[in-house]
């Protein structure tokens, strides 16, 4: 799985597991800031 290779994808996989697309954007914004 490339998710392990890329940190960006890793977060997507972790958030995807939760099943919350809204949270994914929220967490991504917090991580970027």
Protein backbone atom coordinates (compact mmCIF):
# COMPACT_ATOMS: atom_id res chain seq x y z
CA UNK A 1 0.00 0.00 0.00
CA UNK A 2 1.41 3.39 -0.97
CA UNK A 3 -0.42 4.94 1.98
CA UNK A 4 2.45 3.86 4.22
CA UNK A 5 4.96 5.45 1.87
CA UNK A 6 3.23 8.83 1.78
CA UNK A 7 2.21 10.61 4.99
CA UNK A 8 -0.53 12.48 3.13
CA UNK A 9 -2.12 9.21 2.01
CA UNK A 10 -1.67 7.70 5.46
CA UNK A 11 -3.91 10.40 6.95
CA UNK A 12 -6.46 9.80 4.19
CA UNK A 13 -6.56 6.09 4.99
CA UNK A 14 -6.92 6.74 8.72
CA UNK A 15 -9.69 9.30 8.21
CA UNK A 16 -11.31 7.13 5.54
CA UNK A 17 -11.54 4.32 8.09
CA UNK A 18 -13.65 6.58 10.28
CA UNK A 19 -15.93 7.33 7.33
CA UNK A 20 -16.09 11.09 7.91
CA UNK A 21 -15.22 13.15 4.81
CA UNK A 22 -15.97 16.36 6.68
CA UNK A 23 -13.51 15.47 9.46
CA UNK A 24 -10.90 14.63 6.83
CA UNK A 25 -10.95 18.21 5.55
CA UNK A 26 -10.99 19.59 9.09
CA UNK A 27 -8.02 17.49 10.21
CA UNK A 28 -6.13 18.29 7.00
CA UNK A 29 -6.61 22.01 7.65
CA UNK A 30 -5.31 21.65 11.21
CA UNK A 31 -2.29 19.65 10.05
CA UNK A 32 -1.47 22.14 7.28
CA UNK A 33 -1.65 25.10 9.65
